[in-house]
C-alpha cells in the first residue's frame, strides 16, 4: 500500500486527477487565475524538490548504514525511502513541466475526450 500510494501520485498529477477548489478559480479574473497557477506550480515544485532531497538523503543514509526495518519482517530500510524519492522527484518534474509549459493542471483533460 505504501508503494502504491507514493508511486501513483505523479501519475495522478499528470492525469489531472487531483482535487482543487473549482469555485474559487471560477471567481478569479483570467490574470489572477494565471498568477495563482504560477504560484501553485512554483510552490509545488519547490516543496517537492526539497522533499526529494530529504528522501534521497534518508535513502542514501539508510543504505550506507545498512539499517534494517524490523516491524513485521526484516528488510533494508532504504527500500521504504526509495518510493518516496522516486515519487517526489517525478512530482517535482510535473510541476516544473506545468511551470515552464503551456499546459494547465486546472484544465480537465478528460472533458476534452468527451
C-alpha atoms as a PDB file:
ATOM      1  CA  UNK A   1       0.000   0.000   0.000  1.00  0.00           C
ATOM      2  CA  UNK A   2       2.893   2.328   0.786  1.00  0.00           C
ATOM      3  CA  UNK A   3       4.474   1.795  -2.639  1.00  0.00           C
ATOM      4  CA  UNK A   4       1.178   2.169  -4.497  1.00  0.00           C
ATOM      5  CA  UNK A   5       0.386   5.444  -2.739  1.00  0.00           C
ATOM      6  CA  UNK A   6       3.715   7.065  -3.476  1.00  0.00           C
ATOM      7  CA  UNK A   7       4.270   5.703  -6.948  1.00  0.00           C
ATOM      8  CA  UNK A   8       0.775   6.591  -8.193  1.00  0.00           C
ATOM      9  CA  UNK A   9       0.945  10.241  -7.044  1.00  0.00           C
ATOM     10  CA  UNK A  10       2.988  11.508 -10.047  1.00  0.00           C
ATOM     11  CA  UNK A  11       0.586   9.800 -12.449  1.00  0.00           C
ATOM     12  CA  UNK A  12      -2.370  11.388 -10.643  1.00  0.00           C
ATOM     13  CA  UNK A  13      -0.855  14.862 -11.086  1.00  0.00           C
ATOM     14  CA  UNK A  14      -0.017  14.199 -14.733  1.00  0.00           C
ATOM     15  CA  UNK A  15      -3.527  12.884 -15.417  1.00  0.00           C
ATOM     16  CA  UNK A  16      -5.019  15.962 -13.670  1.00  0.00           C
ATOM     17  CA  UNK A  17      -6.895  13.749 -11.247  1.00  0.00           C
ATOM     18  CA  UNK A  18      -6.091  15.877  -8.211  1.00  0.00           C
ATOM     19  CA  UNK A  19      -8.666  17.791  -6.193  1.00  0.00           C
ATOM     20  CA  UNK A  20      -8.860  21.594  -6.199  1.00  0.00           C
ATOM     21  CA  UNK A  21     -11.489  24.189  -5.395  1.00  0.00           C
ATOM     22  CA  UNK A  22     -13.086  24.958  -8.757  1.00  0.00           C
ATOM     23  CA  UNK A  23     -15.410  27.573  -7.263  1.00  0.00           C
ATOM     24  CA  UNK A  24     -12.513  29.793  -6.210  1.00  0.00           C
ATOM     25  CA  UNK A  25     -10.808  29.508  -9.601  1.00  0.00           C
ATOM     26  CA  UNK A  26     -14.030  30.415 -11.435  1.00  0.00           C
ATOM     27  CA  UNK A  27     -14.441  33.616  -9.403  1.00  0.00           C
ATOM     28  CA  UNK A  28     -10.946  34.865 -10.343  1.00  0.00           C
ATOM     29  CA  UNK A  29     -10.149  37.077 -13.280  1.00  0.00           C
ATOM     30  CA  UNK A  30      -8.021  35.469 -16.007  1.00  0.00           C
ATOM     31  CA  UNK A  31      -4.934  37.398 -14.851  1.00  0.00           C
ATOM     32  CA  UNK A  32      -5.440  36.444 -11.180  1.00  0.00           C
ATOM     33  CA  UNK A  33      -6.070  32.849 -12.215  1.00  0.00           C
ATOM     34  CA  UNK A  34      -2.793  32.729 -14.164  1.00  0.00           C
ATOM     35  CA  UNK A  35      -0.842  34.315 -11.293  1.00  0.00           C
ATOM     36  CA  UNK A  36      -2.395  31.805  -8.893  1.00  0.00           C
ATOM     37  CA  UNK A  37      -1.413  28.939 -11.196  1.00  0.00           C
ATOM     38  CA  UNK A  38       2.191  30.153 -11.401  1.00  0.00           C
ATOM     39  CA  UNK A  39       2.332  30.480  -7.615  1.00  0.00           C
ATOM     40  CA  UNK A  40       0.924  26.965  -7.139  1.00  0.00           C
ATOM     41  CA  UNK A  41       3.354  25.490  -9.685  1.00  0.00           C
ATOM     42  CA  UNK A  42       6.313  27.293  -8.124  1.00  0.00           C
ATOM     43  CA  UNK A  43       5.385  26.270  -4.566  1.00  0.00           C
ATOM     44  CA  UNK A  44       4.641  22.720  -5.700  1.00  0.00           C
ATOM     45  CA  UNK A  45       7.987  22.440  -7.459  1.00  0.00           C
ATOM     46  CA  UNK A  46       9.919  23.990  -4.582  1.00  0.00           C
ATOM     47  CA  UNK A  47       8.328  21.870  -1.873  1.00  0.00           C
ATOM     48  CA  UNK A  48       8.636  18.598  -3.784  1.00  0.00           C
ATOM     49  CA  UNK A  49      12.242  19.406  -4.714  1.00  0.00           C
ATOM     50  CA  UNK A  50      13.028  19.839  -1.015  1.00  0.00           C
ATOM     51  CA  UNK A  51      11.181  16.611  -0.197  1.00  0.00           C
ATOM     52  CA  UNK A  52      13.106  14.838  -2.976  1.00  0.00           C
ATOM     53  CA  UNK A  53      16.388  15.955  -1.448  1.00  0.00           C
ATOM     54  CA  UNK A  54      15.305  14.867   2.050  1.00  0.00           C
ATOM     55  CA  UNK A  55      14.061  11.482   0.835  1.00  0.00           C
ATOM     56  CA  UNK A  56      17.224  10.954  -1.205  1.00  0.00           C
ATOM     57  CA  UNK A  57      19.342  11.790   1.833  1.00  0.00           C
ATOM     58  CA  UNK A  58      17.367   9.362   4.035  1.00  0.00           C
ATOM     59  CA  UNK A  59      17.563   6.649   1.377  1.00  0.00           C
ATOM     60  CA  UNK A  60      21.310   7.038   0.968  1.00  0.00           C
ATOM     61  CA  UNK A  61      21.935   7.286   4.714  1.00  0.00           C
ATOM     62  CA  UNK A  62      19.920   4.123   5.374  1.00  0.00           C
ATOM     63  CA  UNK A  63      21.743   2.331   2.566  1.00  0.00           C
ATOM     64  CA  UNK A  64      25.192   3.322   3.850  1.00  0.00           C
ATOM     65  CA  UNK A  65      24.335   2.419   7.456  1.00  0.00           C
ATOM     66  CA  UNK A  66      22.654  -0.818   6.342  1.00  0.00           C
ATOM     67  CA  UNK A  67      19.678  -0.033   8.577  1.00  0.00           C
ATOM     68  CA  UNK A  68      17.007  -2.685   8.878  1.00  0.00           C
ATOM     69  CA  UNK A  69      13.279  -2.229   9.264  1.00  0.00           C
ATOM     70  CA  UNK A  70      12.166  -4.871  11.746  1.00  0.00           C
ATOM     71  CA  UNK A  71       8.494  -4.173  12.427  1.00  0.00           C
ATOM     72  CA  UNK A  72       6.879  -7.019  10.508  1.00  0.00           C
ATOM     73  CA  UNK A  73       9.864  -8.662   8.879  1.00  0.00           C
ATOM     74  CA  UNK A  74      13.472  -7.715   8.329  1.00  0.00           C
ATOM     75  CA  UNK A  75      14.121  -5.651   5.235  1.00  0.00           C
ATOM     76  CA  UNK A  76      16.534  -2.865   4.338  1.00  0.00           C
ATOM     77  CA  UNK A  77      15.124   0.477   5.464  1.00  0.00           C
ATOM     78  CA  UNK A  78      16.243   2.199   2.271  1.00  0.00           C
ATOM     79  CA  UNK A  79      13.598   0.188   0.421  1.00  0.00           C
ATOM     80  CA  UNK A  80      10.985   2.176   2.350  1.00  0.00           C
ATOM     81  CA  UNK A  81      12.513   5.512   1.390  1.00  0.00           C
ATOM     82  CA  UNK A  82      13.121   4.668  -2.274  1.00  0.00           C
ATOM     83  CA  UNK A  83       9.498   5.098  -3.487  1.00  0.00           C
ATOM     84  CA  UNK A  84       9.321   8.471  -1.715  1.00  0.00           C
ATOM     85  CA  UNK A  85      12.461   9.622  -3.518  1.00  0.00           C
ATOM     86  CA  UNK A  86      11.192   8.497  -6.905  1.00  0.00           C
ATOM     87  CA  UNK A  87       7.702   9.897  -6.329  1.00  0.00           C
ATOM     88  CA  UNK A  88       8.773  13.324  -5.100  1.00  0.00           C
ATOM     89  CA  UNK A  89      11.270  13.612  -7.954  1.00  0.00           C
ATOM     90  CA  UNK A  90       8.631  12.794 -10.572  1.00  0.00           C
ATOM     91  CA  UNK A  91       6.105  15.152  -8.953  1.00  0.00           C
ATOM     92  CA  UNK A  92       8.658  17.978  -8.979  1.00  0.00           C
ATOM     93  CA  UNK A  93       9.245  17.311 -12.691  1.00  0.00           C
ATOM     94  CA  UNK A  94       5.495  17.516 -13.311  1.00  0.00           C
ATOM     95  CA  UNK A  95       5.245  20.860 -11.501  1.00  0.00           C
ATOM     96  CA  UNK A  96       8.258  22.105 -13.465  1.00  0.00           C
ATOM     97  CA  UNK A  97       6.572  20.952 -16.694  1.00  0.00           C
ATOM     98  CA  UNK A  98       3.463  22.954 -15.780  1.00  0.00           C
ATOM     99  CA  UNK A  99       5.548  25.960 -14.728  1.00  0.00           C
ATOM    100  CA  UNK A 100       7.566  26.088 -17.954  1.00  0.00           C
ATOM    101  CA  UNK A 101       4.952  24.759 -20.360  1.00  0.00           C
ATOM    102  CA  UNK A 102       1.695  25.945 -21.820  1.00  0.00           C
ATOM    103  CA  UNK A 103      -0.483  23.277 -20.215  1.00  0.00           C
ATOM    104  CA  UNK A 104      -2.562  23.995 -17.143  1.00  0.00           C
ATOM    105  CA  UNK A 105      -3.245  21.452 -14.441  1.00  0.00           C
ATOM    106  CA  UNK A 106      -6.601  23.160 -13.901  1.00  0.00           C
ATOM    107  CA  UNK A 107      -7.920  22.298 -17.364  1.00  0.00           C
ATOM    108  CA  UNK A 108      -9.591  18.919 -17.254  1.00  0.00           C
ATOM    109  CA  UNK A 109      -8.020  16.679 -19.878  1.00  0.00           C
ATOM    110  CA  UNK A 110     -10.909  14.216 -19.590  1.00  0.00           C
ATOM    111  CA  UNK A 111     -13.510  16.781 -20.691  1.00  0.00           C
ATOM    112  CA  UNK A 112     -11.586  17.186 -23.974  1.00  0.00           C
ATOM    113  CA  UNK A 113     -12.062  13.496 -24.688  1.00  0.00           C
ATOM    114  CA  UNK A 114     -15.866  13.523 -24.345  1.00  0.00           C
END
